Amino acid sequence: MLYRYVGPESVRLRALTEPAGTPIRTAADVADFARRERTFASDGASFIVDEAGTLHLAPRRSEHVGCASGRDVLAAGELSMALVRGRWTVTECSNQSTGYCPEPSCFEALAAALDALAIARPAAWTQALVIRRCDSCAQIQVIKEEVFECAVCGHPLAARR
């Protein structure tokens, strides 16, 4: 499934003025990214998986829509990696992207991208979120206890995306 950006237009426009995410085509690209982005070891990174299945990384506090150059994505979220016995390993990962609100099932796209790079990973998200944008007031909601109702305006939220 492709996810389109559903966040605020002002955020999208501002993010598009920043550099796009770094495409990761080899495990060596992760090392290059880590050297350039000094906070990668401590903060992790924002990521997207583009329509072609390529993983892109950006500094943790950047917008996913900027990382994706405004395009639709197969997956988006946050991840952390570490070198374990000389091999890059994902230590934490989530689908936390309030701009794209990807379903937890988008893990399949991240897993395929990491597997193609021979980067070790967990079997599933270390934190999976269900996120919805309210059609009535445009607020972004993290769904808790399967209550699909906007906490701001009370409008019902879609159970499925």
C-alpha atoms as a PDB file:
ATOM      1  CA  MET A   1       0.000   0.000   0.000  1.00  0.00           C
ATOM      2  CA  LEU A   2       1.237   3.484  -0.819  1.00  0.00           C
ATOM      3  CA  TYR A   3       0.760   6.182   1.799  1.00  0.00           C
ATOM      4  CA  ARG A   4       0.302   9.790   0.804  1.00  0.00           C
ATOM      5  CA  TYR A   5       1.198  12.699   3.051  1.00  0.00           C
ATOM      6  CA  VAL A   6      -1.817  13.774   5.142  1.00  0.00           C
ATOM      7  CA  GLY A   7      -0.183  16.249   7.518  1.00  0.00           C
ATOM      8  CA  PRO A   8      -0.357  20.035   7.480  1.00  0.00           C
ATOM      9  CA  GLU A   9       0.409  21.719   4.159  1.00  0.00           C
ATOM     10  CA  SER A  10       2.635  24.278   5.902  1.00  0.00           C
ATOM     11  CA  VAL A  11       4.850  21.466   7.228  1.00  0.00           C
ATOM     12  CA  ARG A  12       5.022  19.853   3.789  1.00  0.00           C
ATOM     13  CA  LEU A  13       6.052  23.106   2.108  1.00  0.00           C
ATOM     14  CA  ARG A  14       8.701  23.868   4.752  1.00  0.00           C
ATOM     15  CA  ALA A  15      10.070  20.300   4.628  1.00  0.00           C
ATOM     16  CA  LEU A  16      10.466  20.424   0.861  1.00  0.00           C
ATOM     17  CA  THR A  17      13.046  23.193   1.256  1.00  0.00           C
ATOM     18  CA  GLU A  18      15.280  20.821   3.250  1.00  0.00           C
ATOM     19  CA  PRO A  19      17.531  18.126   1.747  1.00  0.00           C
ATOM     20  CA  ALA A  20      15.820  14.854   0.826  1.00  0.00           C
ATOM     21  CA  GLY A  21      16.607  11.673   2.707  1.00  0.00           C
ATOM     22  CA  THR A  22      19.733   9.719   1.855  1.00  0.00           C
ATOM     23  CA  PRO A  23      18.978   6.645  -0.261  1.00  0.00           C
ATOM     24  CA  ILE A  24      20.504   3.546   1.291  1.00  0.00           C
ATOM     25  CA  ARG A  25      21.494   1.114  -1.442  1.00  0.00           C
ATOM     26  CA  THR A  26      24.247  -0.755   0.430  1.00  0.00           C
ATOM     27  CA  ALA A  27      25.188  -1.338   4.057  1.00  0.00           C
ATOM     28  CA  ALA A  28      28.173   0.943   3.386  1.00  0.00           C
ATOM     29  CA  ASP A  29      25.692   3.774   2.752  1.00  0.00           C
ATOM     30  CA  VAL A  30      24.544   3.398   6.372  1.00  0.00           C
ATOM     31  CA  ALA A  31      28.147   3.909   7.538  1.00  0.00           C
ATOM     32  CA  ASP A  32      28.448   7.000   5.335  1.00  0.00           C
ATOM     33  CA  PHE A  33      25.167   8.361   6.741  1.00  0.00           C
ATOM     34  CA  ALA A  34      26.355   7.683  10.308  1.00  0.00           C
ATOM     35  CA  ARG A  35      29.603   9.575   9.654  1.00  0.00           C
ATOM     36  CA  ARG A  36      27.747  12.589   8.240  1.00  0.00           C
ATOM     37  CA  GLU A  37      24.929  12.602  10.795  1.00  0.00           C
ATOM     38  CA  ARG A  38      26.709  12.671  14.132  1.00  0.00           C
ATOM     39  CA  THR A  39      23.464  12.241  16.102  1.00  0.00           C
ATOM     40  CA  PHE A  40      22.564   8.962  14.333  1.00  0.00           C
ATOM     41  CA  ALA A  41      24.246   6.833  17.017  1.00  0.00           C
ATOM     42  CA  SER A  42      22.351   8.529  19.853  1.00  0.00           C
ATOM     43  CA  ASP A  43      19.079   9.637  18.241  1.00  0.00           C
ATOM     44  CA  GLY A  44      18.499   7.217  15.373  1.00  0.00           C
ATOM     45  CA  ALA A  45      16.928   8.445  12.155  1.00  0.00           C
ATOM     46  CA  SER A  46      13.692   9.141  10.382  1.00  0.00           C
ATOM     47  CA  PHE A  47      13.142   6.776   7.490  1.00  0.00           C
ATOM     48  CA  ILE A  48      10.908   6.197   4.526  1.00  0.00           C
ATOM     49  CA  VAL A  49      10.728   3.356   2.036  1.00  0.00           C
ATOM     50  CA  ASP A  50       9.991   4.755  -1.399  1.00  0.00           C
ATOM     51  CA  GLU A  51       7.751   3.262  -4.067  1.00  0.00           C
ATOM     52  CA  ALA A  52      10.704   1.334  -5.532  1.00  0.00           C
ATOM     53  CA  GLY A  53      11.421  -0.266  -2.136  1.00  0.00           C
ATOM     54  CA  THR A  54      14.530   1.809  -1.382  1.00  0.00           C
ATOM     55  CA  LEU A  55      15.202   2.812   2.222  1.00  0.00           C
ATOM     56  CA  HIS A  56      15.964   6.520   2.786  1.00  0.00           C
ATOM     57  CA  LEU A  57      17.359   7.931   6.041  1.00  0.00           C
ATOM     58  CA  ALA A  58      17.219  11.485   7.372  1.00  0.00           C
ATOM     59  CA  PRO A  59      18.167  13.113  10.681  1.00  0.00           C
ATOM     60  CA  ARG A  60      15.782  12.051  13.437  1.00  0.00           C
ATOM     61  CA  ARG A  61      14.091  15.418  13.846  1.00  0.00           C
ATOM     62  CA  SER A  62      13.401  15.936  10.146  1.00  0.00           C
ATOM     63  CA  GLU A  63      10.006  15.548   8.514  1.00  0.00           C
ATOM     64  CA  HIS A  64       9.189  12.300   6.736  1.00  0.00           C
ATOM     65  CA  VAL A  65       7.647  14.221   3.849  1.00  0.00           C
ATOM     66  CA  GLY A  66      10.970  16.000   3.338  1.00  0.00           C
ATOM     67  CA  CYS A  67      12.845  12.708   3.503  1.00  0.00           C
ATOM     68  CA  ALA A  68      10.499  11.450   0.751  1.00  0.00           C
ATOM     69  CA  SER A  69      10.754  14.657  -1.322  1.00  0.00           C
ATOM     70  CA  GLY A  70       6.973  14.925  -0.996  1.00  0.00           C
ATOM     71  CA  ARG A  71       6.287  11.606  -2.690  1.00  0.00           C
ATOM     72  CA  ASP A  72       4.067   8.733  -1.547  1.00  0.00           C
ATOM     73  CA  VAL A  73       5.792   6.005   0.493  1.00  0.00           C
ATOM     74  CA  LEU A  74       5.482   2.304   1.267  1.00  0.00           C
ATOM     75  CA  ALA A  75       6.585   2.879   4.880  1.00  0.00           C
ATOM     76  CA  ALA A  76       7.679   5.695   7.181  1.00  0.00           C
ATOM     77  CA  GLY A  77       8.822   5.902  10.766  1.00  0.00           C
ATOM     78  CA  GLU A  78      11.800   6.052  13.089  1.00  0.00           C
ATOM     79  CA  LEU A  79      14.646   3.601  13.553  1.00  0.00           C
ATOM     80  CA  SER A  80      17.887   3.133  15.418  1.00  0.00           C
ATOM     81  CA  MET A  81      20.832   1.008  14.319  1.00  0.00           C
ATOM     82  CA  ALA A  82      24.070  -0.178  15.848  1.00  0.00           C
ATOM     83  CA  LEU A  83      27.077  -2.101  14.643  1.00  0.00           C
ATOM     84  CA  VAL A  84      26.879  -5.592  16.123  1.00  0.00           C
ATOM     85  CA  ARG A  85      29.900  -7.779  15.392  1.00  0.00           C
ATOM     86  CA  GLY A  86      30.702  -5.560  12.418  1.00  0.00           C
ATOM     87  CA  ARG A  87      27.202  -5.749  10.921  1.00  0.00           C
ATOM     88  CA  TRP A  88      24.541  -3.023  10.920  1.00  0.00           C
ATOM     89  CA  THR A  89      21.569  -4.094  13.022  1.00  0.00           C
ATOM     90  CA  VAL A  90      18.258  -2.329  13.583  1.00  0.00           C
ATOM     91  CA  THR A  91      17.838  -2.115  17.347  1.00  0.00           C
ATOM     92  CA  GLU A  92      14.547  -0.186  17.436  1.00  0.00           C
ATOM     93  CA  CYS A  93      11.953   0.686  14.817  1.00  0.00           C
ATOM     94  CA  SER A  94       8.474   2.157  14.719  1.00  0.00           C
ATOM     95  CA  ASN A  95       5.952   3.361  12.191  1.00  0.00           C
ATOM     96  CA  GLN A  96       5.741   6.706  14.001  1.00  0.00           C
ATOM     97  CA  SER A  97       5.015   9.188  11.237  1.00  0.00           C
ATOM     98  CA  THR A  98       2.227  11.640  11.868  1.00  0.00           C
ATOM     99  CA  GLY A  99       2.610  13.024   8.353  1.00  0.00           C
ATOM    100  CA  TYR A 100       1.927   9.719   6.582  1.00  0.00           C
ATOM    101  CA  CYS A 101       0.040   7.794   9.322  1.00  0.00           C
ATOM    102  CA  PRO A 102       1.221   4.418   7.984  1.00  0.00           C
ATOM    103  CA  GLU A 103      -0.450   1.260   9.215  1.00  0.00           C
ATOM    104  CA  PRO A 104       1.586  -1.233  11.266  1.00  0.00           C
ATOM    105  CA  SER A 105       1.429  -3.573   8.241  1.00  0.00           C
ATOM    106  CA  CYS A 106       3.926  -1.327   6.426  1.00  0.00           C
ATOM    107  CA  PHE A 107       6.614  -3.195   8.388  1.00  0.00           C
ATOM    108  CA  GLU A 108       6.699  -5.628   5.460  1.00  0.00           C
ATOM    109  CA  ALA A 109       8.114  -2.881   3.209  1.00  0.00           C
ATOM    110  CA  LEU A 110      10.770  -1.917   5.771  1.00  0.00           C
ATOM    111  CA  ALA A 111      11.673  -5.575   6.330  1.00  0.00           C
ATOM    112  CA  ALA A 112      12.081  -6.172   2.585  1.00  0.00           C
ATOM    113  CA  ALA A 113      14.295  -3.084   2.220  1.00  0.00           C
ATOM    114  CA  LEU A 114      16.491  -4.111   5.162  1.00  0.00           C
ATOM    115  CA  ASP A 115      16.697  -7.737   4.023  1.00  0.00           C
ATOM    116  CA  ALA A 116      17.842  -6.591   0.562  1.00  0.00           C
ATOM    117  CA  LEU A 117      20.654  -4.683   2.294  1.00  0.00           C
ATOM    118  CA  ALA A 118      21.548  -7.627   4.573  1.00  0.00           C
ATOM    119  CA  ILE A 119      20.873  -5.421   7.609  1.00  0.00           C
ATOM    120  CA  ALA A 120      19.769  -7.423  10.641  1.00  0.00           C
ATOM    121  CA  ARG A 121      16.370  -6.457  12.021  1.00  0.00           C
ATOM    122  CA  PRO A 122      13.712  -7.439  14.546  1.00  0.00           C
ATOM    123  CA  ALA A 123      10.854  -9.674  13.389  1.00  0.00           C
ATOM    124  CA  ALA A 124       8.342  -6.834  13.878  1.00  0.00           C
ATOM    125  CA  TRP A 125       8.131  -3.215  14.985  1.00  0.00           C
ATOM    126  CA  THR A 126       9.616  -2.627  18.413  1.00  0.00           C
ATOM    127  CA  GLN A 127       6.766  -0.091  18.733  1.00  0.00           C
ATOM    128  CA  ALA A 128       3.748  -0.259  16.435  1.00  0.00           C
ATOM    129  CA  LEU A 129       1.280   2.624  16.327  1.00  0.00           C
ATOM    130  CA  VAL A 130      -2.122   3.176  14.789  1.00  0.00           C
ATOM    131  CA  ILE A 131      -2.328   6.832  13.756  1.00  0.00           C
ATOM    132  CA  ARG A 132      -5.276   8.672  12.215  1.00  0.00           C
ATOM    133  CA  ARG A 133      -5.910  12.186  10.956  1.00  0.00           C
ATOM    134  CA  CYS A 134      -9.324  13.530  11.907  1.00  0.00           C
ATOM    135  CA  ASP A 135     -11.390  14.441   8.834  1.00  0.00           C
ATOM    136  CA  SER A 136     -13.283  17.024  10.874  1.00  0.00           C
ATOM    137  CA  CYS A 137     -10.567  19.068  12.641  1.00  0.00           C
ATOM    138  CA  ALA A 138      -7.385  17.736  10.930  1.00  0.00           C
ATOM    139  CA  GLN A 139      -5.739  16.804  14.229  1.00  0.00           C
ATOM    140  CA  ILE A 140      -3.433  13.785  14.242  1.00  0.00           C
ATOM    141  CA  GLN A 141      -4.377  11.098  16.760  1.00  0.00           C
ATOM    142  CA  VAL A 142      -2.479   8.097  18.092  1.00  0.00           C
ATOM    143  CA  ILE A 143      -5.150   5.466  18.695  1.00  0.00           C
ATOM    144  CA  LYS A 144      -5.106   4.024  22.193  1.00  0.00           C
ATOM    145  CA  GLU A 145      -7.180   1.132  23.489  1.00  0.00           C
ATOM    146  CA  GLU A 146      -8.846   0.871  20.060  1.00  0.00           C
ATOM    147  CA  VAL A 147     -10.877   4.049  20.632  1.00  0.00           C
ATOM    148  CA  PHE A 148     -11.319   5.524  17.157  1.00  0.00           C
ATOM    149  CA  GLU A 149     -12.589   8.943  18.207  1.00  0.00           C
ATOM    150  CA  CYS A 150     -10.850  12.309  17.915  1.00  0.00           C
ATOM    151  CA  ALA A 151      -9.724  13.459  21.351  1.00  0.00           C
ATOM    152  CA  VAL A 152     -10.024  17.088  20.210  1.00  0.00           C
ATOM    153  CA  CYS A 153     -13.454  17.306  18.549  1.00  0.00           C
ATOM    154  CA  GLY A 154     -15.053  13.893  19.259  1.00  0.00           C
ATOM    155  CA  HIS A 155     -15.491  13.055  15.560  1.00  0.00           C
ATOM    156  CA  PRO A 156     -15.332   9.320  14.731  1.00  0.00           C
ATOM    157  CA  LEU A 157     -12.039   8.208  13.177  1.00  0.00           C
ATOM    158  CA  ALA A 158     -11.704   5.555  10.494  1.00  0.00           C
ATOM    159  CA  ALA A 159     -10.987   2.102  11.887  1.00  0.00           C
ATOM    160  CA  ARG A 160      -9.177   1.224   8.640  1.00  0.00           C
ATOM    161  CA  ARG A 161      -7.108   3.422   6.447  1.00  0.00           C
END
